[in-house]
Amino acid sequence: MANAQLGVFSLPQIQNEPLVGSPSSLMLMIQLHYAPNSKERADLQAAIVELRSQLPIEIPCIVDGSPVALRTGQDSNSRSNPAKQLNN
């Protein structure tokens, strides 16, 4: 009996976090860990402050690619700070 093959899979390249090091040497590449007092952590914290300054935001309801007007809105609160409303 021949071996059955269920399929051929090709995984996409992982792009979760920027890598530090040479792309030609995977052994030297490390993920950023945002250590205290690091430039990466300072950049991350600055981005969070910038995003929070834009709250609350309007979150439209999109159905089939088109915005839909709703009679009543629904509150969307932050999971890490439930008292903070994210939308208008």
N, C-alpha and C. Protein backbone atom coordinates (compact mmCIF):
# COMPACT_ATOMS: atom_id res chain seq x y z
N MET A 1 0.84 -1.18 0.00
CA MET A 1 0.00 0.00 0.00
C MET A 1 0.88 1.24 0.00
N ALA A 2 0.55 2.20 -0.84
CA ALA A 2 1.34 3.42 -0.95
C ALA A 2 1.06 4.35 0.23
N ASN A 3 2.05 5.16 0.55
CA ASN A 3 1.87 6.13 1.63
C ASN A 3 0.93 7.24 1.16
N ALA A 4 -0.02 7.57 1.98
CA ALA A 4 -0.96 8.64 1.65
C ALA A 4 -0.37 9.98 2.09
N GLN A 5 -0.54 10.97 1.24
CA GLN A 5 -0.09 12.32 1.58
C GLN A 5 -1.32 13.21 1.64
N LEU A 6 -1.55 13.82 2.79
CA LEU A 6 -2.75 14.62 2.98
C LEU A 6 -2.67 15.98 2.28
N GLY A 7 -1.49 16.49 2.10
CA GLY A 7 -1.37 17.79 1.45
C GLY A 7 0.05 18.31 1.53
N VAL A 8 0.30 19.34 0.78
CA VAL A 8 1.60 20.00 0.80
C VAL A 8 1.39 21.37 1.43
N PHE A 9 2.15 21.65 2.48
CA PHE A 9 1.96 22.89 3.20
C PHE A 9 3.18 23.78 3.09
N SER A 10 2.93 25.07 2.98
CA SER A 10 4.00 26.06 2.94
C SER A 10 3.62 27.16 3.92
N LEU A 11 4.36 27.28 5.01
CA LEU A 11 4.07 28.28 6.02
C LEU A 11 4.61 29.64 5.60
N PRO A 12 3.85 30.71 5.86
CA PRO A 12 4.35 32.04 5.53
C PRO A 12 5.49 32.43 6.48
N GLN A 13 6.29 33.39 6.04
CA GLN A 13 7.38 33.87 6.89
C GLN A 13 6.78 34.59 8.09
N ILE A 14 7.30 34.34 9.26
CA ILE A 14 6.80 34.95 10.49
C ILE A 14 7.23 36.42 10.53
N GLN A 15 6.26 37.30 10.81
CA GLN A 15 6.57 38.72 10.85
C GLN A 15 5.99 39.36 12.12
N ASN A 16 6.05 38.65 13.24
CA ASN A 16 5.49 39.17 14.48
C ASN A 16 6.27 40.35 15.04
N GLU A 17 7.55 40.19 15.20
CA GLU A 17 8.39 41.20 15.82
C GLU A 17 9.61 41.44 14.92
N PRO A 18 10.13 42.67 14.95
CA PRO A 18 11.36 42.90 14.21
C PRO A 18 12.49 42.07 14.83
N LEU A 19 13.39 41.61 13.99
CA LEU A 19 14.51 40.83 14.47
C LEU A 19 15.78 41.67 14.40
N VAL A 20 16.64 41.48 15.38
CA VAL A 20 17.90 42.20 15.44
C VAL A 20 18.98 41.23 14.98
N GLY A 21 19.79 41.64 14.02
CA GLY A 21 20.86 40.78 13.53
C GLY A 21 20.83 40.69 12.03
N SER A 22 21.69 39.91 11.50
CA SER A 22 21.82 39.75 10.05
C SER A 22 20.83 38.72 9.54
N PRO A 23 20.03 39.06 8.50
CA PRO A 23 19.08 38.08 7.98
C PRO A 23 19.75 36.82 7.44
N SER A 24 21.04 36.92 7.08
CA SER A 24 21.71 35.75 6.52
C SER A 24 22.18 34.79 7.61
N SER A 25 22.14 35.22 8.85
CA SER A 25 22.59 34.37 9.94
C SER A 25 21.50 34.25 10.99
N LEU A 26 20.68 33.21 10.89
CA LEU A 26 19.59 33.02 11.83
C LEU A 26 20.08 32.81 13.25
N MET A 27 21.28 32.30 13.42
CA MET A 27 21.80 32.05 14.76
C MET A 27 22.03 33.36 15.51
N LEU A 28 22.29 34.46 14.80
CA LEU A 28 22.57 35.73 15.45
C LEU A 28 21.31 36.57 15.66
N MET A 29 20.21 36.15 15.04
CA MET A 29 19.00 36.94 15.11
C MET A 29 18.28 36.69 16.43
N ILE A 30 17.87 37.76 17.09
CA ILE A 30 17.13 37.63 18.33
C ILE A 30 15.91 38.54 18.27
N GLN A 31 14.87 38.18 18.98
CA GLN A 31 13.70 39.04 19.03
C GLN A 31 13.91 40.10 20.10
N LEU A 32 13.26 41.23 19.90
CA LEU A 32 13.35 42.31 20.88
C LEU A 32 12.61 41.90 22.14
N HIS A 33 13.15 42.25 23.29
CA HIS A 33 12.52 41.87 24.55
C HIS A 33 12.06 43.08 25.35
N TYR A 34 12.29 44.27 24.86
CA TYR A 34 11.80 45.49 25.51
C TYR A 34 12.27 45.57 26.97
N ALA A 35 13.55 45.35 27.17
CA ALA A 35 14.14 45.41 28.51
C ALA A 35 13.98 46.81 29.10
N PRO A 36 13.91 46.92 30.43
CA PRO A 36 13.81 48.24 31.06
C PRO A 36 14.95 49.15 30.59
N ASN A 37 14.61 50.40 30.34
CA ASN A 37 15.56 51.43 29.91
C ASN A 37 16.13 51.20 28.51
N SER A 38 15.55 50.29 27.73
CA SER A 38 16.03 50.07 26.36
C SER A 38 15.32 51.03 25.41
N LYS A 39 15.94 51.28 24.26
CA LYS A 39 15.34 52.14 23.24
C LYS A 39 14.04 51.53 22.74
N GLU A 40 13.99 50.20 22.59
CA GLU A 40 12.79 49.53 22.11
C GLU A 40 11.61 49.75 23.06
N ARG A 41 11.87 49.67 24.37
CA ARG A 41 10.81 49.88 25.35
C ARG A 41 10.34 51.33 25.33
N ALA A 42 11.27 52.28 25.24
CA ALA A 42 10.91 53.70 25.18
C ALA A 42 10.06 53.98 23.95
N ASP A 43 10.43 53.41 22.80
CA ASP A 43 9.65 53.59 21.57
C ASP A 43 8.25 53.00 21.72
N LEU A 44 8.15 51.83 22.33
CA LEU A 44 6.85 51.18 22.55
C LEU A 44 5.97 52.03 23.47
N GLN A 45 6.53 52.51 24.56
CA GLN A 45 5.76 53.33 25.50
C GLN A 45 5.32 54.64 24.85
N ALA A 46 6.17 55.23 24.01
CA ALA A 46 5.79 56.47 23.31
C ALA A 46 4.63 56.20 22.35
N ALA A 47 4.65 55.05 21.67
CA ALA A 47 3.57 54.70 20.74
C ALA A 47 2.25 54.49 21.51
N ILE A 48 2.32 53.88 22.69
CA ILE A 48 1.12 53.67 23.50
C ILE A 48 0.53 55.01 23.95
N VAL A 49 1.39 55.93 24.38
CA VAL A 49 0.92 57.26 24.80
C VAL A 49 0.26 57.97 23.63
N GLU A 50 0.85 57.88 22.44
CA GLU A 50 0.29 58.52 21.24
C GLU A 50 -1.09 57.94 20.92
N LEU A 51 -1.24 56.62 20.96
CA LEU A 51 -2.52 56.00 20.66
C LEU A 51 -3.57 56.36 21.71
N ARG A 52 -3.19 56.38 22.98
CA ARG A 52 -4.14 56.73 24.04
C ARG A 52 -4.60 58.17 23.92
N SER A 53 -3.76 59.05 23.39
CA SER A 53 -4.14 60.45 23.25
C SER A 53 -5.24 60.63 22.20
N GLN A 54 -5.43 59.63 21.34
CA GLN A 54 -6.44 59.70 20.29
C GLN A 54 -7.80 59.16 20.74
N LEU A 55 -7.90 58.65 21.97
CA LEU A 55 -9.16 58.10 22.47
C LEU A 55 -10.09 59.20 22.93
N PRO A 56 -11.40 59.04 22.88
CA PRO A 56 -12.11 57.92 22.25
C PRO A 56 -12.14 58.09 20.73
N ILE A 57 -12.32 57.00 20.03
CA ILE A 57 -12.36 57.02 18.57
C ILE A 57 -13.73 56.53 18.09
N GLU A 58 -14.05 56.85 16.87
CA GLU A 58 -15.29 56.35 16.26
C GLU A 58 -14.99 55.01 15.60
N ILE A 59 -15.77 54.01 15.94
CA ILE A 59 -15.62 52.67 15.36
C ILE A 59 -16.87 52.39 14.54
N PRO A 60 -16.78 52.50 13.21
CA PRO A 60 -17.98 52.31 12.39
C PRO A 60 -18.39 50.84 12.30
N CYS A 61 -19.66 50.63 12.04
CA CYS A 61 -20.19 49.29 11.79
C CYS A 61 -20.15 49.09 10.28
N ILE A 62 -19.38 48.12 9.82
CA ILE A 62 -19.24 47.86 8.38
C ILE A 62 -19.89 46.52 8.06
N VAL A 63 -20.83 46.53 7.11
CA VAL A 63 -21.50 45.31 6.67
C VAL A 63 -21.32 45.20 5.16
N ASP A 64 -20.74 44.12 4.71
CA ASP A 64 -20.52 43.87 3.28
C ASP A 64 -19.75 45.02 2.64
N GLY A 65 -18.79 45.58 3.39
CA GLY A 65 -17.92 46.61 2.86
C GLY A 65 -18.47 48.02 2.93
N SER A 66 -19.70 48.20 3.42
CA SER A 66 -20.32 49.52 3.50
C SER A 66 -20.65 49.87 4.94
N PRO A 67 -20.45 51.15 5.32
CA PRO A 67 -20.82 51.55 6.68
C PRO A 67 -22.33 51.52 6.86
N VAL A 68 -22.77 51.10 8.04
CA VAL A 68 -24.19 51.01 8.35
C VAL A 68 -24.46 51.92 9.54
N ALA A 69 -25.47 52.80 9.40
CA ALA A 69 -25.83 53.69 10.50
C ALA A 69 -26.66 52.91 11.52
N LEU A 70 -26.28 53.03 12.77
CA LEU A 70 -27.00 52.35 13.83
C LEU A 70 -27.79 53.37 14.64
N ARG A 71 -28.97 52.96 15.12
CA ARG A 71 -29.77 53.87 15.94
C ARG A 71 -29.12 54.09 17.30
N THR A 72 -28.57 53.03 17.85
CA THR A 72 -27.91 53.14 19.14
C THR A 72 -26.50 52.60 19.01
N GLY A 73 -25.60 53.22 19.74
CA GLY A 73 -24.21 52.76 19.72
C GLY A 73 -23.97 51.73 20.81
N GLN A 74 -22.86 51.10 20.75
CA GLN A 74 -22.47 50.14 21.77
C GLN A 74 -21.10 50.56 22.29
N ASP A 75 -20.98 50.61 23.62
CA ASP A 75 -19.71 51.00 24.21
C ASP A 75 -18.68 49.90 24.01
N SER A 76 -17.45 50.33 23.81
CA SER A 76 -16.32 49.40 23.71
C SER A 76 -15.29 49.87 24.71
N ASN A 77 -15.06 49.06 25.73
CA ASN A 77 -14.13 49.42 26.79
C ASN A 77 -12.83 48.64 26.68
N SER A 78 -11.79 49.23 27.25
CA SER A 78 -10.48 48.60 27.27
C SER A 78 -10.50 47.37 28.16
N ARG A 79 -9.92 46.28 27.69
CA ARG A 79 -9.87 45.06 28.51
C ARG A 79 -8.92 45.24 29.69
N SER A 80 -7.85 46.02 29.51
CA SER A 80 -6.91 46.19 30.60
C SER A 80 -7.36 47.26 31.60
N ASN A 81 -8.30 48.12 31.16
CA ASN A 81 -8.83 49.17 32.03
C ASN A 81 -10.30 49.35 31.69
N PRO A 82 -11.19 48.52 32.24
CA PRO A 82 -12.60 48.55 31.86
C PRO A 82 -13.29 49.90 32.03
N ALA A 83 -12.77 50.77 32.88
CA ALA A 83 -13.36 52.09 33.06
C ALA A 83 -13.08 53.01 31.88
N LYS A 84 -12.10 52.66 31.05
CA LYS A 84 -11.70 53.50 29.91
C LYS A 84 -12.53 53.13 28.68
N GLN A 85 -13.29 54.10 28.15
CA GLN A 85 -14.10 53.87 26.95
C GLN A 85 -13.24 54.15 25.72
N LEU A 86 -13.28 53.24 24.76
CA LEU A 86 -12.45 53.36 23.56
C LEU A 86 -13.14 54.08 22.42
N ASN A 87 -14.47 54.10 22.42
CA ASN A 87 -15.18 54.68 21.29
C ASN A 87 -16.12 55.78 21.75
N ASN A 88 -16.63 56.55 20.76
CA ASN A 88 -17.59 57.64 21.04
C ASN A 88 -18.96 57.07 21.30
